[in-house]
PDB file of N, CA and C in Angstrom:
ATOM      1  N   UNK A   1      -8.870 -79.333 -37.120  1.00  0.00           N
ATOM      2  CA  UNK A   1      -9.185 -78.536 -38.292  1.00  0.00           C
ATOM      3  C   UNK A   1      -8.810 -77.075 -38.035  1.00  0.00           C
ATOM      4  N   UNK A   2      -8.289 -76.462 -39.051  1.00  0.00           N
ATOM      5  CA  UNK A   2      -7.880 -75.069 -38.949  1.00  0.00           C
ATOM      6  C   UNK A   2      -8.885 -74.159 -39.644  1.00  0.00           C
ATOM      7  N   UNK A   3      -8.953 -72.937 -39.163  1.00  0.00           N
ATOM      8  CA  UNK A   3      -9.733 -71.882 -39.809  1.00  0.00           C
ATOM      9  C   UNK A   3      -8.815 -70.679 -39.958  1.00  0.00           C
ATOM     10  N   UNK A   4      -8.910 -70.021 -41.114  1.00  0.00           N
ATOM     11  CA  UNK A   4      -7.968 -68.957 -41.430  1.00  0.00           C
ATOM     12  C   UNK A   4      -8.706 -67.734 -41.943  1.00  0.00           C
ATOM     13  N   UNK A   5      -8.175 -66.562 -41.625  1.00  0.00           N
ATOM     14  CA  UNK A   5      -8.691 -65.308 -42.168  1.00  0.00           C
ATOM     15  C   UNK A   5      -7.511 -64.373 -42.403  1.00  0.00           C
ATOM     16  N   UNK A   6      -7.604 -63.612 -43.499  1.00  0.00           N
ATOM     17  CA  UNK A   6      -6.531 -62.685 -43.865  1.00  0.00           C
ATOM     18  C   UNK A   6      -7.145 -61.336 -44.207  1.00  0.00           C
ATOM     19  N   UNK A   7      -6.588 -60.281 -43.631  1.00  0.00           N
ATOM     20  CA  UNK A   7      -6.959 -58.913 -44.006  1.00  0.00           C
ATOM     21  C   UNK A   7      -5.754 -58.320 -44.726  1.00  0.00           C
ATOM     22  N   UNK A   8      -5.961 -57.938 -45.978  1.00  0.00           N
ATOM     23  CA  UNK A   8      -4.857 -57.426 -46.772  1.00  0.00           C
ATOM     24  C   UNK A   8      -5.002 -55.929 -46.981  1.00  0.00           C
ATOM     25  N   UNK A   9      -3.871 -55.276 -47.162  1.00  0.00           N
ATOM     26  CA  UNK A   9      -3.789 -53.844 -47.449  1.00  0.00           C
ATOM     27  C   UNK A   9      -4.439 -53.004 -46.345  1.00  0.00           C
ATOM     28  N   UNK A  10      -4.186 -53.367 -45.101  1.00  0.00           N
ATOM     29  CA  UNK A  10      -4.698 -52.625 -43.952  1.00  0.00           C
ATOM     30  C   UNK A  10      -3.796 -51.414 -43.735  1.00  0.00           C
ATOM     31  N   UNK A  11      -4.392 -50.243 -43.564  1.00  0.00           N
ATOM     32  CA  UNK A  11      -3.631 -48.987 -43.492  1.00  0.00           C
ATOM     33  C   UNK A  11      -3.083 -48.734 -42.090  1.00  0.00           C
ATOM     34  N   UNK A  12      -2.168 -49.591 -41.667  1.00  0.00           N
ATOM     35  CA  UNK A  12      -1.425 -49.369 -40.434  1.00  0.00           C
ATOM     36  C   UNK A  12      -0.050 -49.993 -40.634  1.00  0.00           C
ATOM     37  N   UNK A  13       0.948 -49.412 -40.030  1.00  0.00           N
ATOM     38  CA  UNK A  13       2.295 -49.934 -40.238  1.00  0.00           C
ATOM     39  C   UNK A  13       2.436 -51.301 -39.551  1.00  0.00           C
ATOM     40  N   UNK A  14       3.202 -52.195 -40.142  1.00  0.00           N
ATOM     41  CA  UNK A  14       3.374 -53.519 -39.548  1.00  0.00           C
ATOM     42  C   UNK A  14       3.996 -53.476 -38.161  1.00  0.00           C
ATOM     43  N   UNK A  15       4.864 -52.519 -37.928  1.00  0.00           N
ATOM     44  CA  UNK A  15       5.513 -52.408 -36.623  1.00  0.00           C
ATOM     45  C   UNK A  15       4.481 -52.163 -35.526  1.00  0.00           C
ATOM     46  N   UNK A  16       3.510 -51.292 -35.793  1.00  0.00           N
ATOM     47  CA  UNK A  16       2.477 -50.995 -34.806  1.00  0.00           C
ATOM     48  C   UNK A  16       1.512 -52.169 -34.642  1.00  0.00           C
ATOM     49  N   UNK A  17       1.209 -52.859 -35.730  1.00  0.00           N
ATOM     50  CA  UNK A  17       0.284 -53.983 -35.664  1.00  0.00           C
ATOM     51  C   UNK A  17       0.907 -55.174 -34.928  1.00  0.00           C
ATOM     52  N   UNK A  18       2.201 -55.360 -35.075  1.00  0.00           N
ATOM     53  CA  UNK A  18       2.862 -56.497 -34.418  1.00  0.00           C
ATOM     54  C   UNK A  18       2.846 -56.365 -32.896  1.00  0.00           C
ATOM     55  N   UNK A  19       2.824 -55.142 -32.383  1.00  0.00           N
ATOM     56  CA  UNK A  19       2.742 -54.960 -30.930  1.00  0.00           C
ATOM     57  C   UNK A  19       1.452 -55.561 -30.382  1.00  0.00           C
ATOM     58  N   UNK A  20       0.366 -55.418 -31.117  1.00  0.00           N
ATOM     59  CA  UNK A  20      -0.931 -55.942 -30.677  1.00  0.00           C
ATOM     60  C   UNK A  20      -1.010 -57.438 -30.921  1.00  0.00           C
ATOM     61  N   UNK A  21      -0.496 -57.892 -32.052  1.00  0.00           N
ATOM     62  CA  UNK A  21      -0.562 -59.305 -32.419  1.00  0.00           C
ATOM     63  C   UNK A  21       0.188 -60.162 -31.390  1.00  0.00           C
ATOM     64  N   UNK A  22       1.289 -59.652 -30.869  1.00  0.00           N
ATOM     65  CA  UNK A  22       2.069 -60.403 -29.883  1.00  0.00           C
ATOM     66  C   UNK A  22       1.310 -60.617 -28.582  1.00  0.00           C
ATOM     67  N   UNK A  23       0.316 -59.789 -28.299  1.00  0.00           N
ATOM     68  CA  UNK A  23      -0.464 -59.928 -27.068  1.00  0.00           C
ATOM     69  C   UNK A  23      -1.357 -61.157 -27.070  1.00  0.00           C
ATOM     70  N   UNK A  24      -1.850 -61.562 -28.256  1.00  0.00           N
ATOM     71  CA  UNK A  24      -2.880 -62.602 -28.313  1.00  0.00           C
ATOM     72  C   UNK A  24      -2.382 -63.919 -28.901  1.00  0.00           C
ATOM     73  N   UNK A  25      -1.145 -64.018 -29.281  1.00  0.00           N
ATOM     74  CA  UNK A  25      -0.628 -65.252 -29.876  1.00  0.00           C
ATOM     75  C   UNK A  25      -0.685 -66.394 -28.864  1.00  0.00           C
ATOM     76  N   UNK A  26      -1.321 -67.505 -29.269  1.00  0.00           N
ATOM     77  CA  UNK A  26      -1.385 -68.701 -28.431  1.00  0.00           C
ATOM     78  C   UNK A  26      -2.520 -68.731 -27.433  1.00  0.00           C
ATOM     79  N   UNK A  27      -3.339 -67.701 -27.357  1.00  0.00           N
ATOM     80  CA  UNK A  27      -4.432 -67.647 -26.385  1.00  0.00           C
ATOM     81  C   UNK A  27      -5.706 -68.256 -26.953  1.00  0.00           C
ATOM     82  N   UNK A  28      -6.645 -68.572 -26.051  1.00  0.00           N
ATOM     83  CA  UNK A  28      -7.967 -69.001 -26.494  1.00  0.00           C
ATOM     84  C   UNK A  28      -8.678 -67.821 -27.139  1.00  0.00           C
ATOM     85  N   UNK A  29      -9.648 -68.115 -28.002  1.00  0.00           N
ATOM     86  CA  UNK A  29     -10.309 -67.073 -28.783  1.00  0.00           C
ATOM     87  C   UNK A  29     -11.051 -66.096 -27.877  1.00  0.00           C
ATOM     88  N   UNK A  30     -11.754 -66.594 -26.858  1.00  0.00           N
ATOM     89  CA  UNK A  30     -12.495 -65.707 -25.960  1.00  0.00           C
ATOM     90  C   UNK A  30     -11.557 -64.764 -25.213  1.00  0.00           C
ATOM     91  N   UNK A  31     -10.436 -65.309 -24.745  1.00  0.00           N
ATOM     92  CA  UNK A  31      -9.477 -64.493 -24.001  1.00  0.00           C
ATOM     93  C   UNK A  31      -8.802 -63.461 -24.917  1.00  0.00           C
ATOM     94  N   UNK A  32      -8.481 -63.877 -26.138  1.00  0.00           N
ATOM     95  CA  UNK A  32      -7.870 -62.958 -27.096  1.00  0.00           C
ATOM     96  C   UNK A  32      -8.840 -61.840 -27.459  1.00  0.00           C
ATOM     97  N   UNK A  33     -10.116 -62.178 -27.621  1.00  0.00           N
ATOM     98  CA  UNK A  33     -11.137 -61.177 -27.949  1.00  0.00           C
ATOM     99  C   UNK A  33     -11.282 -60.169 -26.808  1.00  0.00           C
ATOM    100  N   UNK A  34     -11.220 -60.649 -25.582  1.00  0.00           N
ATOM    101  CA  UNK A  34     -11.336 -59.773 -24.415  1.00  0.00           C
ATOM    102  C   UNK A  34     -10.141 -58.820 -24.315  1.00  0.00           C
ATOM    103  N   UNK A  35      -8.945 -59.324 -24.577  1.00  0.00           N
ATOM    104  CA  UNK A  35      -7.744 -58.482 -24.518  1.00  0.00           C
ATOM    105  C   UNK A  35      -7.799 -57.412 -25.596  1.00  0.00           C
ATOM    106  N   UNK A  36      -8.224 -57.783 -26.801  1.00  0.00           N
ATOM    107  CA  UNK A  36      -8.299 -56.820 -27.896  1.00  0.00           C
ATOM    108  C   UNK A  36      -9.383 -55.775 -27.662  1.00  0.00           C
ATOM    109  N   UNK A  37     -10.459 -56.160 -26.982  1.00  0.00           N
ATOM    110  CA  UNK A  37     -11.548 -55.224 -26.729  1.00  0.00           C
ATOM    111  C   UNK A  37     -11.111 -54.090 -25.801  1.00  0.00           C
ATOM    112  N   UNK A  38     -10.207 -54.381 -24.878  1.00  0.00           N
ATOM    113  CA  UNK A  38      -9.805 -53.382 -23.904  1.00  0.00           C
ATOM    114  C   UNK A  38      -8.433 -52.761 -24.194  1.00  0.00           C
ATOM    115  N   UNK A  39      -7.833 -53.123 -25.302  1.00  0.00           N
ATOM    116  CA  UNK A  39      -6.563 -52.522 -25.682  1.00  0.00           C
ATOM    117  C   UNK A  39      -6.801 -51.134 -26.252  1.00  0.00           C
ATOM    118  N   UNK A  40      -5.912 -50.211 -25.964  1.00  0.00           N
ATOM    119  CA  UNK A  40      -6.085 -48.831 -26.395  1.00  0.00           C
ATOM    120  C   UNK A  40      -5.399 -48.551 -27.739  1.00  0.00           C
ATOM    121  N   UNK A  41      -4.767 -49.551 -28.307  1.00  0.00           N
ATOM    122  CA  UNK A  41      -4.078 -49.380 -29.584  1.00  0.00           C
ATOM    123  C   UNK A  41      -5.084 -49.394 -30.735  1.00  0.00           C
ATOM    124  N   UNK A  42      -4.812 -48.640 -31.793  1.00  0.00           N
ATOM    125  CA  UNK A  42      -5.704 -48.603 -32.947  1.00  0.00           C
ATOM    126  C   UNK A  42      -5.686 -49.935 -33.696  1.00  0.00           C
ATOM    127  N   UNK A  43      -4.553 -50.617 -33.690  1.00  0.00           N
ATOM    128  CA  UNK A  43      -4.442 -51.895 -34.391  1.00  0.00           C
ATOM    129  C   UNK A  43      -5.291 -52.977 -33.737  1.00  0.00           C
ATOM    130  N   UNK A  44      -5.663 -52.803 -32.466  1.00  0.00           N
ATOM    131  CA  UNK A  44      -6.450 -53.819 -31.771  1.00  0.00           C
ATOM    132  C   UNK A  44      -7.803 -54.027 -32.436  1.00  0.00           C
ATOM    133  N   UNK A  45      -8.427 -52.954 -32.878  1.00  0.00           N
ATOM    134  CA  UNK A  45      -9.711 -53.084 -33.557  1.00  0.00           C
ATOM    135  C   UNK A  45      -9.582 -53.816 -34.879  1.00  0.00           C
ATOM    136  N   UNK A  46      -8.505 -53.570 -35.599  1.00  0.00           N
ATOM    137  CA  UNK A  46      -8.279 -54.239 -36.878  1.00  0.00           C
ATOM    138  C   UNK A  46      -7.992 -55.727 -36.686  1.00  0.00           C
ATOM    139  N   UNK A  47      -7.177 -56.049 -35.690  1.00  0.00           N
ATOM    140  CA  UNK A  47      -6.856 -57.449 -35.406  1.00  0.00           C
ATOM    141  C   UNK A  47      -8.096 -58.179 -34.897  1.00  0.00           C
ATOM    142  N   UNK A  48      -8.905 -57.501 -34.098  1.00  0.00           N
ATOM    143  CA  UNK A  48     -10.131 -58.109 -33.577  1.00  0.00           C
ATOM    144  C   UNK A  48     -11.089 -58.454 -34.714  1.00  0.00           C
ATOM    145  N   UNK A  49     -11.157 -57.602 -35.709  1.00  0.00           N
ATOM    146  CA  UNK A  49     -12.018 -57.834 -36.854  1.00  0.00           C
ATOM    147  C   UNK A  49     -11.582 -59.089 -37.622  1.00  0.00           C
ATOM    148  N   UNK A  50     -10.279 -59.276 -37.782  1.00  0.00           N
ATOM    149  CA  UNK A  50      -9.763 -60.460 -38.474  1.00  0.00           C
ATOM    150  C   UNK A  50      -9.991 -61.708 -37.622  1.00  0.00           C
ATOM    151  N   UNK A  51      -9.837 -61.585 -36.310  1.00  0.00           N
ATOM    152  CA  UNK A  51     -10.081 -62.705 -35.405  1.00  0.00           C
ATOM    153  C   UNK A  51     -11.540 -63.152 -35.481  1.00  0.00           C
ATOM    154  N   UNK A  52     -12.463 -62.193 -35.510  1.00  0.00           N
ATOM    155  CA  UNK A  52     -13.897 -62.512 -35.636  1.00  0.00           C
ATOM    156  C   UNK A  52     -14.178 -63.196 -36.976  1.00  0.00           C
ATOM    157  N   UNK A  53     -13.496 -62.764 -38.031  1.00  0.00           N
ATOM    158  CA  UNK A  53     -13.676 -63.369 -39.342  1.00  0.00           C
ATOM    159  C   UNK A  53     -13.195 -64.819 -39.351  1.00  0.00           C
ATOM    160  N   UNK A  54     -12.056 -65.076 -38.723  1.00  0.00           N
ATOM    161  CA  UNK A  54     -11.547 -66.445 -38.628  1.00  0.00           C
ATOM    162  C   UNK A  54     -12.490 -67.319 -37.807  1.00  0.00           C
ATOM    163  N   UNK A  55     -13.072 -66.760 -36.754  1.00  0.00           N
ATOM    164  CA  UNK A  55     -14.037 -67.495 -35.937  1.00  0.00           C
ATOM    165  C   UNK A  55     -15.289 -67.814 -36.747  1.00  0.00           C
ATOM    166  N   UNK A  56     -15.746 -66.866 -37.557  1.00  0.00           N
ATOM    167  CA  UNK A  56     -16.907 -67.101 -38.412  1.00  0.00           C
ATOM    168  C   UNK A  56     -16.597 -68.168 -39.458  1.00  0.00           C
ATOM    169  N   UNK A  57     -15.370 -68.164 -39.980  1.00  0.00           N
ATOM    170  CA  UNK A  57     -14.979 -69.208 -40.926  1.00  0.00           C
ATOM    171  C   UNK A  57     -14.964 -70.577 -40.259  1.00  0.00           C
ATOM    172  N   UNK A  58     -14.571 -70.621 -38.986  1.00  0.00           N
ATOM    173  CA  UNK A  58     -14.536 -71.886 -38.251  1.00  0.00           C
ATOM    174  C   UNK A  58     -15.941 -72.410 -37.974  1.00  0.00           C
ATOM    175  N   UNK A  59     -16.892 -71.518 -37.744  1.00  0.00           N
ATOM    176  CA  UNK A  59     -18.253 -71.968 -37.439  1.00  0.00           C
ATOM    177  C   UNK A  59     -18.942 -72.561 -38.664  1.00  0.00           C
ATOM    178  N   UNK A  60     -18.434 -72.291 -39.868  1.00  0.00           N
ATOM    179  CA  UNK A  60     -19.009 -72.862 -41.080  1.00  0.00           C
ATOM    180  C   UNK A  60     -18.711 -74.353 -41.215  1.00  0.00           C
ATOM    181  N   UNK A  61     -17.693 -74.816 -40.517  1.00  0.00           N
ATOM    182  CA  UNK A  61     -17.331 -76.231 -40.553  1.00  0.00           C
ATOM    183  C   UNK A  61     -17.986 -76.944 -39.376  1.00  0.00           C
ATOM    184  N   UNK A  62     -18.864 -77.941 -39.611  1.00  0.00           N
ATOM    185  CA  UNK A  62     -19.542 -78.606 -38.497  1.00  0.00           C
ATOM    186  C   UNK A  62     -18.623 -79.483 -37.653  1.00  0.00           C
ATOM    187  N   UNK A  63     -17.427 -79.807 -38.145  1.00  0.00           N
ATOM    188  CA  UNK A  63     -16.500 -80.650 -37.392  1.00  0.00           C
ATOM    189  C   UNK A  63     -15.703 -79.882 -36.350  1.00  0.00           C
ATOM    190  N   UNK A  64     -15.780 -78.565 -36.366  1.00  0.00           N
ATOM    191  CA  UNK A  64     -14.990 -77.742 -35.445  1.00  0.00           C
ATOM    192  C   UNK A  64     -15.865 -77.295 -34.280  1.00  0.00           C
ATOM    193  N   UNK A  65     -15.340 -77.476 -33.067  1.00  0.00           N
ATOM    194  CA  UNK A  65     -16.021 -76.996 -31.857  1.00  0.00           C
ATOM    195  C   UNK A  65     -15.474 -75.610 -31.523  1.00  0.00           C
ATOM    196  N   UNK A  66     -16.342 -74.588 -31.555  1.00  0.00           N
ATOM    197  CA  UNK A  66     -15.898 -73.202 -31.363  1.00  0.00           C
ATOM    198  C   UNK A  66     -15.423 -72.918 -29.945  1.00  0.00           C
ATOM    199  N   UNK A  67     -15.828 -73.744 -29.001  1.00  0.00           N
ATOM    200  CA  UNK A  67     -15.504 -73.475 -27.597  1.00  0.00           C
ATOM    201  C   UNK A  67     -14.051 -73.780 -27.249  1.00  0.00           C
ATOM    202  N   UNK A  68     -13.400 -74.600 -28.051  1.00  0.00           N
ATOM    203  CA  UNK A  68     -12.019 -74.984 -27.722  1.00  0.00           C
ATOM    204  C   UNK A  68     -11.013 -74.441 -28.734  1.00  0.00           C
ATOM    205  N   UNK A  69     -11.387 -73.427 -29.489  1.00  0.00           N
ATOM    206  CA  UNK A  69     -10.470 -72.837 -30.462  1.00  0.00           C
ATOM    207  C   UNK A  69      -9.441 -71.939 -29.783  1.00  0.00           C
ATOM    208  N   UNK A  70      -8.246 -71.926 -30.333  1.00  0.00           N
ATOM    209  CA  UNK A  70      -7.214 -71.019 -29.856  1.00  0.00           C
ATOM    210  C   UNK A  70      -6.473 -70.445 -31.059  1.00  0.00           C
ATOM    211  N   UNK A  71      -5.722 -69.390 -30.817  1.00  0.00           N
ATOM    212  CA  UNK A  71      -4.974 -68.710 -31.880  1.00  0.00           C
ATOM    213  C   UNK A  71      -3.685 -69.498 -32.112  1.00  0.00           C
ATOM    214  N   UNK A  72      -3.693 -70.302 -33.173  1.00  0.00           N
ATOM    215  CA  UNK A  72      -2.519 -71.127 -33.481  1.00  0.00           C
ATOM    216  C   UNK A  72      -1.408 -70.273 -34.086  1.00  0.00           C
ATOM    217  N   UNK A  73      -1.754 -69.478 -35.088  1.00  0.00           N
ATOM    218  CA  UNK A  73      -0.790 -68.580 -35.725  1.00  0.00           C
ATOM    219  C   UNK A  73      -1.442 -67.229 -35.916  1.00  0.00           C
ATOM    220  N   UNK A  74      -0.675 -66.206 -35.705  1.00  0.00           N
ATOM    221  CA  UNK A  74      -1.116 -64.846 -36.007  1.00  0.00           C
ATOM    222  C   UNK A  74       0.139 -64.044 -36.333  1.00  0.00           C
ATOM    223  N   UNK A  75       0.124 -63.420 -37.493  1.00  0.00           N
ATOM    224  CA  UNK A  75       1.303 -62.665 -37.891  1.00  0.00           C
ATOM    225  C   UNK A  75       0.909 -61.515 -38.798  1.00  0.00           C
ATOM    226  N   UNK A  76       1.830 -60.579 -38.930  1.00  0.00           N
ATOM    227  CA  UNK A  76       1.635 -59.384 -39.746  1.00  0.00           C
ATOM    228  C   UNK A  76       2.784 -59.294 -40.743  1.00  0.00           C
ATOM    229  N   UNK A  77       2.420 -59.238 -42.016  1.00  0.00           N
ATOM    230  CA  UNK A  77       3.404 -59.045 -43.075  1.00  0.00           C
ATOM    231  C   UNK A  77       3.300 -57.621 -43.593  1.00  0.00           C
ATOM    232  N   UNK A  78       4.389 -57.152 -44.171  1.00  0.00           N
ATOM    233  CA  UNK A  78       4.371 -55.804 -44.728  1.00  0.00           C
ATOM    234  C   UNK A  78       3.769 -55.821 -46.122  1.00  0.00           C
ATOM    235  N   UNK A  79       2.861 -54.902 -46.352  1.00  0.00           N
ATOM    236  CA  UNK A  79       2.266 -54.735 -47.670  1.00  0.00           C
ATOM    237  C   UNK A  79       2.988 -53.640 -48.426  1.00  0.00           C
ATOM    238  N   UNK A  80       2.410 -53.190 -49.528  1.00  0.00           N
ATOM    239  CA  UNK A  80       3.043 -52.103 -50.289  1.00  0.00           C
ATOM    240  C   UNK A  80       2.959 -50.782 -49.542  1.00  0.00           C
ATOM    241  N   UNK A  81       3.881 -49.911 -49.832  1.00  0.00           N
ATOM    242  CA  UNK A  81       3.893 -48.596 -49.189  1.00  0.00           C
ATOM    243  C   UNK A  81       3.465 -47.547 -50.213  1.00  0.00           C
ATOM    244  N   UNK A  82       2.554 -46.662 -49.792  1.00  0.00           N
ATOM    245  CA  UNK A  82       2.185 -45.540 -50.657  1.00  0.00           C
ATOM    246  C   UNK A  82       3.249 -44.465 -50.496  1.00  0.00           C
ATOM    247  N   UNK A  83       3.757 -43.993 -51.610  1.00  0.00           N
ATOM    248  CA  UNK A  83       4.821 -42.994 -51.559  1.00  0.00           C
ATOM    249  C   UNK A  83       4.222 -41.613 -51.763  1.00  0.00           C
ATOM    250  N   UNK A  84       4.479 -40.742 -50.811  1.00  0.00           N
ATOM    251  CA  UNK A  84       3.972 -39.375 -50.844  1.00  0.00           C
ATOM    252  C   UNK A  84       5.140 -38.415 -50.624  1.00  0.00           C
ATOM    253  N   UNK A  85       4.902 -37.131 -50.860  1.00  0.00           N
ATOM    254  CA  UNK A  85       5.924 -36.111 -50.637  1.00  0.00           C
ATOM    255  C   UNK A  85       5.327 -34.989 -49.811  1.00  0.00           C
ATOM    256  N   UNK A  86       6.160 -34.425 -48.970  1.00  0.00           N
ATOM    257  CA  UNK A  86       5.753 -33.297 -48.142  1.00  0.00           C
ATOM    258  C   UNK A  86       6.668 -32.120 -48.456  1.00  0.00           C
ATOM    259  N   UNK A  87       6.067 -30.964 -48.639  1.00  0.00           N
ATOM    260  CA  UNK A  87       6.846 -29.768 -48.955  1.00  0.00           C
ATOM    261  C   UNK A  87       7.616 -29.301 -47.726  1.00  0.00           C
ATOM    262  N   UNK A  88       8.853 -28.934 -47.964  1.00  0.00           N
ATOM    263  CA  UNK A  88       9.711 -28.407 -46.903  1.00  0.00           C
ATOM    264  C   UNK A  88      10.169 -27.005 -47.296  1.00  0.00           C
ATOM    265  N   UNK A  89      11.007 -26.436 -46.481  1.00  0.00           N
ATOM    266  CA  UNK A  89      11.453 -25.059 -46.720  1.00  0.00           C
ATOM    267  C   UNK A  89      12.378 -24.950 -47.933  1.00  0.00           C
ATOM    268  N   UNK A  90      12.417 -23.786 -48.502  1.00  0.00           N
ATOM    269  CA  UNK A  90      13.290 -23.446 -49.616  1.00  0.00           C
ATOM    270  C   UNK A  90      13.095 -24.373 -50.817  1.00  0.00           C
ATOM    271  N   UNK A  91      11.862 -24.765 -51.072  1.00  0.00           N
ATOM    272  CA  UNK A  91      11.557 -25.555 -52.252  1.00  0.00           C
ATOM    273  C   UNK A  91      11.970 -27.006 -52.190  1.00  0.00           C
ATOM    274  N   UNK A  92      12.328 -27.487 -51.028  1.00  0.00           N
ATOM    275  CA  UNK A  92      12.740 -28.879 -50.898  1.00  0.00           C
ATOM    276  C   UNK A  92      11.527 -29.777 -50.682  1.00  0.00           C
ATOM    277  N   UNK A  93      11.750 -31.081 -50.823  1.00  0.00           N
ATOM    278  CA  UNK A  93      10.686 -32.077 -50.664  1.00  0.00           C
ATOM    279  C   UNK A  93      11.206 -33.198 -49.781  1.00  0.00           C
ATOM    280  N   UNK A  94      10.347 -33.672 -48.878  1.00  0.00           N
ATOM    281  CA  UNK A  94      10.696 -34.808 -48.024  1.00  0.00           C
ATOM    282  C   UNK A  94       9.780 -35.984 -48.376  1.00  0.00           C
ATOM    283  N   UNK A  95      10.357 -37.153 -48.650  1.00  0.00           N
ATOM    284  CA  UNK A  95       9.513 -38.309 -48.981  1.00  0.00           C
ATOM    285  C   UNK A  95       8.835 -38.884 -47.736  1.00  0.00           C
ATOM    286  N   UNK A  96       7.622 -39.387 -47.935  1.00  0.00           N
ATOM    287  CA  UNK A  96       6.852 -40.034 -46.871  1.00  0.00           C
ATOM    288  C   UNK A  96       6.404 -41.397 -47.389  1.00  0.00           C
ATOM    289  N   UNK A  97       6.601 -42.446 -46.598  1.00  0.00           N
ATOM    290  CA  UNK A  97       6.119 -43.781 -46.954  1.00  0.00           C
ATOM    291  C   UNK A  97       4.982 -44.144 -46.006  1.00  0.00           C
ATOM    292  N   UNK A  98       3.786 -44.276 -46.553  1.00  0.00           N
ATOM    293  CA  UNK A  98       2.629 -44.691 -45.753  1.00  0.00           C
ATOM    294  C   UNK A  98       2.496 -46.202 -45.907  1.00  0.00           C
ATOM    295  N   UNK A  99       2.824 -46.897 -44.843  1.00  0.00           N
ATOM    296  CA  UNK A  99       2.951 -48.351 -44.925  1.00  0.00           C
ATOM    297  C   UNK A  99       1.604 -49.056 -44.745  1.00  0.00           C
ATOM    298  N   UNK A 100       1.511 -50.239 -45.340  1.00  0.00           N
ATOM    299  CA  UNK A 100       0.327 -51.087 -45.222  1.00  0.00           C
ATOM    300  C   UNK A 100       0.739 -52.447 -44.675  1.00  0.00           C
ATOM    301  N   UNK A 101      -0.258 -53.183 -44.159  1.00  0.00           N
ATOM    302  CA  UNK A 101      -0.004 -54.481 -43.541  1.00  0.00           C
ATOM    303  C   UNK A 101      -0.952 -55.530 -44.107  1.00  0.00           C
ATOM    304  N   UNK A 102      -0.525 -56.788 -44.002  1.00  0.00           N
ATOM    305  CA  UNK A 102      -1.381 -57.939 -44.249  1.00  0.00           C
ATOM    306  C   UNK A 102      -1.443 -58.711 -42.929  1.00  0.00           C
ATOM    307  N   UNK A 103      -2.638 -58.817 -42.334  1.00  0.00           N
ATOM    308  CA  UNK A 103      -2.810 -59.476 -41.044  1.00  0.00           C
ATOM    309  C   UNK A 103      -3.415 -60.868 -41.292  1.00  0.00           C
ATOM    310  N   UNK A 104      -2.782 -61.918 -40.768  1.00  0.00           N
ATOM    311  CA  UNK A 104      -3.236 -63.291 -40.946  1.00  0.00           C
ATOM    312  C   UNK A 104      -3.474 -63.931 -39.578  1.00  0.00           C
ATOM    313  N   UNK A 105      -4.641 -64.594 -39.444  1.00  0.00           N
ATOM    314  CA  UNK A 105      -5.003 -65.288 -38.211  1.00  0.00           C
ATOM    315  C   UNK A 105      -5.382 -66.723 -38.566  1.00  0.00           C
ATOM    316  N   UNK A 106      -4.783 -67.692 -37.865  1.00  0.00           N
ATOM    317  CA  UNK A 106      -5.103 -69.113 -38.032  1.00  0.00           C
ATOM    318  C   UNK A 106      -5.549 -69.649 -36.687  1.00  0.00           C
ATOM    319  N   UNK A 107      -6.774 -70.200 -36.653  1.00  0.00           N
ATOM    320  CA  UNK A 107      -7.325 -70.782 -35.431  1.00  0.00           C
ATOM    321  C   UNK A 107      -7.298 -72.303 -35.548  1.00  0.00           C
ATOM    322  N   UNK A 108      -7.151 -72.982 -34.416  1.00  0.00           N
ATOM    323  CA  UNK A 108      -7.154 -74.440 -34.406  1.00  0.00           C
ATOM    324  C   UNK A 108      -7.758 -74.923 -33.092  1.00  0.00           C
ATOM    325  N   UNK A 109      -8.159 -76.194 -33.077  1.00  0.00           N
ATOM    326  CA  UNK A 109      -8.697 -76.789 -31.849  1.00  0.00           C
ATOM    327  C   UNK A 109      -7.554 -77.291 -30.978  1.00  0.00           C
ATOM    328  N   UNK A 110      -7.789 -77.317 -29.688  1.00  0.00           N
ATOM    329  CA  UNK A 110      -6.747 -77.801 -28.770  1.00  0.00           C
ATOM    330  C   UNK A 110      -6.753 -79.302 -28.690  1.00  0.00           C
TER     331      UNK A 110
END
């Protein structure tokens, strides 16, 4: 049985989030949680929150044993970008794209 959790419109760029997601792909839930707890990246806290949510979703099903869960799939998709402008010299404007991510975690039993 699978358990899934999705965090949408997270205010971090997908490129930065994918660096953290690649660390925990395929690991057991306890080991992935430990790695995320000690990671110094800002995305680690966001990914850890989604991992905990997927674990909570798995505990709602009595057929799933939480002790043998592992990260079957974890990926980051790009969400919409907020478009902003920054003033530059001589009346010019520079565009800024503040990117968002959709983080998806799928847990399964071994």
